[in-house]
Amino acid sequence: MAYQILAHWDAEASVWWAESSDVKGLVAEADTLEELIADLRELVPELLTLNHGIDPRRELTEIAVLADRIESLQIAG
């Protein structure tokens, strides 16, 4: 089972932030999507242990990071 994590781009703050209904207590943000995923690799196993009673060292744990970023474009015309 892959734990679903939603990553959102906040254009005003210029950061990526993550949320998940699968991983209780998840709060993370980073300047780049790659940095956010690196942080999630550390945070998710800790949160699964603390809040879900799962020991990820004994089980293979997968995360599915679904990212969204909306850009405004000027259309010439």
N, C-alpha and C. Protein backbone atom coordinates (compact mmCIF):
# COMPACT_ATOMS: atom_id res chain seq x y z
N MET A 1 0.84 -1.18 0.00
CA MET A 1 0.00 0.00 0.00
C MET A 1 0.88 1.24 0.00
N ALA A 2 0.61 2.17 -0.88
CA ALA A 2 1.33 3.43 -0.90
C ALA A 2 0.51 4.48 -0.15
N TYR A 3 1.16 5.18 0.75
CA TYR A 3 0.52 6.27 1.47
C TYR A 3 0.47 7.48 0.54
N GLN A 4 -0.72 8.05 0.35
CA GLN A 4 -0.87 9.17 -0.56
C GLN A 4 -0.55 10.48 0.13
N ILE A 5 0.29 11.27 -0.51
CA ILE A 5 0.68 12.58 0.00
C ILE A 5 0.44 13.58 -1.11
N LEU A 6 -0.24 14.66 -0.79
CA LEU A 6 -0.49 15.72 -1.76
C LEU A 6 0.51 16.84 -1.53
N ALA A 7 1.20 17.23 -2.59
CA ALA A 7 2.17 18.33 -2.53
C ALA A 7 1.60 19.50 -3.33
N HIS A 8 1.59 20.66 -2.72
CA HIS A 8 1.00 21.85 -3.34
C HIS A 8 2.05 22.96 -3.43
N TRP A 9 2.01 23.72 -4.51
CA TRP A 9 2.88 24.87 -4.67
C TRP A 9 2.15 26.11 -4.16
N ASP A 10 2.79 26.85 -3.25
CA ASP A 10 2.25 28.12 -2.76
C ASP A 10 3.05 29.23 -3.44
N ALA A 11 2.46 29.85 -4.45
CA ALA A 11 3.17 30.85 -5.25
C ALA A 11 3.52 32.09 -4.43
N GLU A 12 2.63 32.48 -3.52
CA GLU A 12 2.90 33.67 -2.70
C GLU A 12 4.11 33.48 -1.80
N ALA A 13 4.22 32.31 -1.18
CA ALA A 13 5.33 32.03 -0.27
C ALA A 13 6.52 31.40 -0.98
N SER A 14 6.33 30.99 -2.23
CA SER A 14 7.37 30.31 -3.02
C SER A 14 7.90 29.06 -2.34
N VAL A 15 6.96 28.24 -1.86
CA VAL A 15 7.33 26.97 -1.22
C VAL A 15 6.36 25.88 -1.63
N TRP A 16 6.84 24.65 -1.56
CA TRP A 16 6.00 23.46 -1.68
C TRP A 16 5.59 23.06 -0.29
N TRP A 17 4.34 22.63 -0.10
CA TRP A 17 3.90 22.12 1.19
C TRP A 17 3.11 20.83 0.97
N ALA A 18 3.11 19.99 1.99
CA ALA A 18 2.52 18.65 1.86
C ALA A 18 1.45 18.43 2.91
N GLU A 19 0.46 17.62 2.51
CA GLU A 19 -0.60 17.18 3.42
C GLU A 19 -0.96 15.75 3.08
N SER A 20 -1.55 15.05 4.04
CA SER A 20 -1.96 13.68 3.79
C SER A 20 -3.02 13.26 4.80
N SER A 21 -4.09 12.67 4.29
CA SER A 21 -5.07 12.08 5.20
C SER A 21 -4.63 10.67 5.60
N ASP A 22 -3.64 10.12 4.89
CA ASP A 22 -3.12 8.78 5.19
C ASP A 22 -2.07 8.79 6.30
N VAL A 23 -1.36 9.91 6.44
CA VAL A 23 -0.27 10.00 7.42
C VAL A 23 -0.63 11.10 8.42
N LYS A 24 -1.14 10.68 9.57
CA LYS A 24 -1.57 11.64 10.60
C LYS A 24 -0.39 12.49 11.07
N GLY A 25 -0.64 13.80 11.20
CA GLY A 25 0.36 14.70 11.74
C GLY A 25 1.36 15.23 10.73
N LEU A 26 1.19 14.89 9.46
CA LEU A 26 2.16 15.33 8.47
C LEU A 26 2.05 16.83 8.20
N VAL A 27 3.14 17.54 8.44
CA VAL A 27 3.28 18.96 8.12
C VAL A 27 4.69 19.14 7.59
N ALA A 28 4.79 19.56 6.34
CA ALA A 28 6.13 19.74 5.76
C ALA A 28 6.07 20.80 4.68
N GLU A 29 7.16 21.53 4.55
CA GLU A 29 7.30 22.47 3.44
C GLU A 29 8.77 22.60 3.08
N ALA A 30 9.02 22.96 1.81
CA ALA A 30 10.39 23.09 1.33
C ALA A 30 10.40 23.99 0.10
N ASP A 31 11.59 24.48 -0.24
CA ASP A 31 11.73 25.38 -1.38
C ASP A 31 11.53 24.69 -2.72
N THR A 32 11.89 23.42 -2.79
CA THR A 32 11.73 22.69 -4.06
C THR A 32 10.98 21.39 -3.80
N LEU A 33 10.40 20.84 -4.86
CA LEU A 33 9.70 19.56 -4.73
C LEU A 33 10.67 18.45 -4.33
N GLU A 34 11.88 18.49 -4.88
CA GLU A 34 12.89 17.47 -4.54
C GLU A 34 13.26 17.53 -3.06
N GLU A 35 13.39 18.74 -2.52
CA GLU A 35 13.69 18.88 -1.08
C GLU A 35 12.52 18.39 -0.24
N LEU A 36 11.31 18.67 -0.68
CA LEU A 36 10.12 18.21 0.04
C LEU A 36 10.08 16.69 0.09
N ILE A 37 10.35 16.05 -1.03
CA ILE A 37 10.35 14.58 -1.06
C ILE A 37 11.45 14.02 -0.16
N ALA A 38 12.61 14.65 -0.16
CA ALA A 38 13.69 14.21 0.74
C ALA A 38 13.24 14.32 2.20
N ASP A 39 12.55 15.41 2.55
CA ASP A 39 12.04 15.56 3.91
C ASP A 39 10.99 14.50 4.22
N LEU A 40 10.13 14.20 3.25
CA LEU A 40 9.09 13.19 3.45
C LEU A 40 9.69 11.81 3.71
N ARG A 41 10.81 11.52 3.07
CA ARG A 41 11.48 10.22 3.29
C ARG A 41 11.89 10.03 4.75
N GLU A 42 12.15 11.13 5.44
CA GLU A 42 12.50 11.06 6.86
C GLU A 42 11.27 11.15 7.74
N LEU A 43 10.35 12.07 7.40
CA LEU A 43 9.19 12.32 8.26
C LEU A 43 8.17 11.19 8.27
N VAL A 44 7.86 10.65 7.11
CA VAL A 44 6.79 9.65 7.02
C VAL A 44 7.06 8.42 7.88
N PRO A 45 8.25 7.81 7.82
CA PRO A 45 8.49 6.66 8.70
C PRO A 45 8.35 7.01 10.19
N GLU A 46 8.82 8.21 10.58
CA GLU A 46 8.69 8.62 11.98
C GLU A 46 7.23 8.75 12.38
N LEU A 47 6.42 9.39 11.51
CA LEU A 47 5.00 9.58 11.81
C LEU A 47 4.23 8.28 11.80
N LEU A 48 4.60 7.37 10.91
CA LEU A 48 3.92 6.07 10.90
C LEU A 48 4.20 5.31 12.19
N THR A 49 5.40 5.44 12.70
CA THR A 49 5.74 4.79 13.97
C THR A 49 4.98 5.44 15.13
N LEU A 50 5.03 6.77 15.20
CA LEU A 50 4.42 7.49 16.32
C LEU A 50 2.90 7.45 16.31
N ASN A 51 2.29 7.66 15.16
CA ASN A 51 0.84 7.86 15.09
C ASN A 51 0.04 6.67 14.58
N HIS A 52 0.73 5.69 13.98
CA HIS A 52 0.01 4.56 13.39
C HIS A 52 0.47 3.21 13.96
N GLY A 53 1.51 3.23 14.80
CA GLY A 53 2.01 1.98 15.38
C GLY A 53 2.67 1.05 14.38
N ILE A 54 3.15 1.62 13.26
CA ILE A 54 3.80 0.82 12.23
C ILE A 54 5.31 0.99 12.34
N ASP A 55 6.03 -0.09 12.26
CA ASP A 55 7.49 -0.02 12.28
C ASP A 55 8.00 -0.17 10.85
N PRO A 56 8.29 0.97 10.16
CA PRO A 56 8.69 0.90 8.76
C PRO A 56 10.04 0.20 8.55
N ARG A 57 10.80 0.00 9.61
CA ARG A 57 12.07 -0.74 9.46
C ARG A 57 11.80 -2.21 9.21
N ARG A 58 10.62 -2.68 9.58
CA ARG A 58 10.27 -4.08 9.40
C ARG A 58 9.41 -4.32 8.17
N GLU A 59 8.89 -3.23 7.61
CA GLU A 59 8.00 -3.34 6.45
C GLU A 59 8.48 -2.40 5.36
N LEU A 60 8.24 -2.77 4.12
CA LEU A 60 8.50 -1.86 3.00
C LEU A 60 7.39 -0.83 2.99
N THR A 61 7.75 0.42 3.01
CA THR A 61 6.78 1.50 3.03
C THR A 61 6.92 2.32 1.76
N GLU A 62 5.81 2.58 1.10
CA GLU A 62 5.83 3.38 -0.12
C GLU A 62 4.98 4.62 0.07
N ILE A 63 5.42 5.72 -0.55
CA ILE A 63 4.62 6.93 -0.58
C ILE A 63 4.37 7.30 -2.04
N ALA A 64 3.18 7.82 -2.29
CA ALA A 64 2.83 8.33 -3.62
C ALA A 64 2.65 9.83 -3.45
N VAL A 65 3.58 10.60 -4.01
CA VAL A 65 3.52 12.06 -3.90
C VAL A 65 2.84 12.59 -5.16
N LEU A 66 1.69 13.20 -4.96
CA LEU A 66 0.92 13.77 -6.06
C LEU A 66 1.06 15.29 -5.97
N ALA A 67 1.71 15.88 -6.96
CA ALA A 67 2.02 17.31 -6.91
C ALA A 67 1.10 18.11 -7.82
N ASP A 68 0.73 19.31 -7.34
CA ASP A 68 -0.01 20.22 -8.20
C ASP A 68 0.61 21.61 -8.11
N ARG A 69 0.68 22.24 -9.25
CA ARG A 69 1.23 23.60 -9.33
C ARG A 69 0.47 24.31 -10.45
N ILE A 70 -0.12 25.43 -10.11
CA ILE A 70 -0.87 26.22 -11.07
C ILE A 70 -0.03 27.44 -11.44
N GLU A 71 0.11 27.68 -12.72
CA GLU A 71 0.85 28.83 -13.22
C GLU A 71 -0.10 29.74 -13.98
N SER A 72 0.06 31.04 -13.83
CA SER A 72 -0.70 32.02 -14.61
C SER A 72 0.12 32.39 -15.84
N LEU A 73 -0.53 32.38 -16.99
CA LEU A 73 0.15 32.68 -18.24
C LEU A 73 -0.52 33.86 -18.93
N GLN A 74 0.28 34.74 -19.48
CA GLN A 74 -0.25 35.85 -20.27
C GLN A 74 -0.38 35.39 -21.71
N ILE A 75 -1.56 35.53 -22.27
CA ILE A 75 -1.78 35.14 -23.64
C ILE A 75 -1.71 36.39 -24.52
N ALA A 76 -0.77 36.37 -25.46
CA ALA A 76 -0.59 37.50 -26.37
C ALA A 76 -1.72 37.51 -27.39
N GLY A 77 -2.15 38.65 -27.71
CA GLY A 77 -3.22 38.65 -28.70
C GLY A 77 -3.65 39.96 -29.09
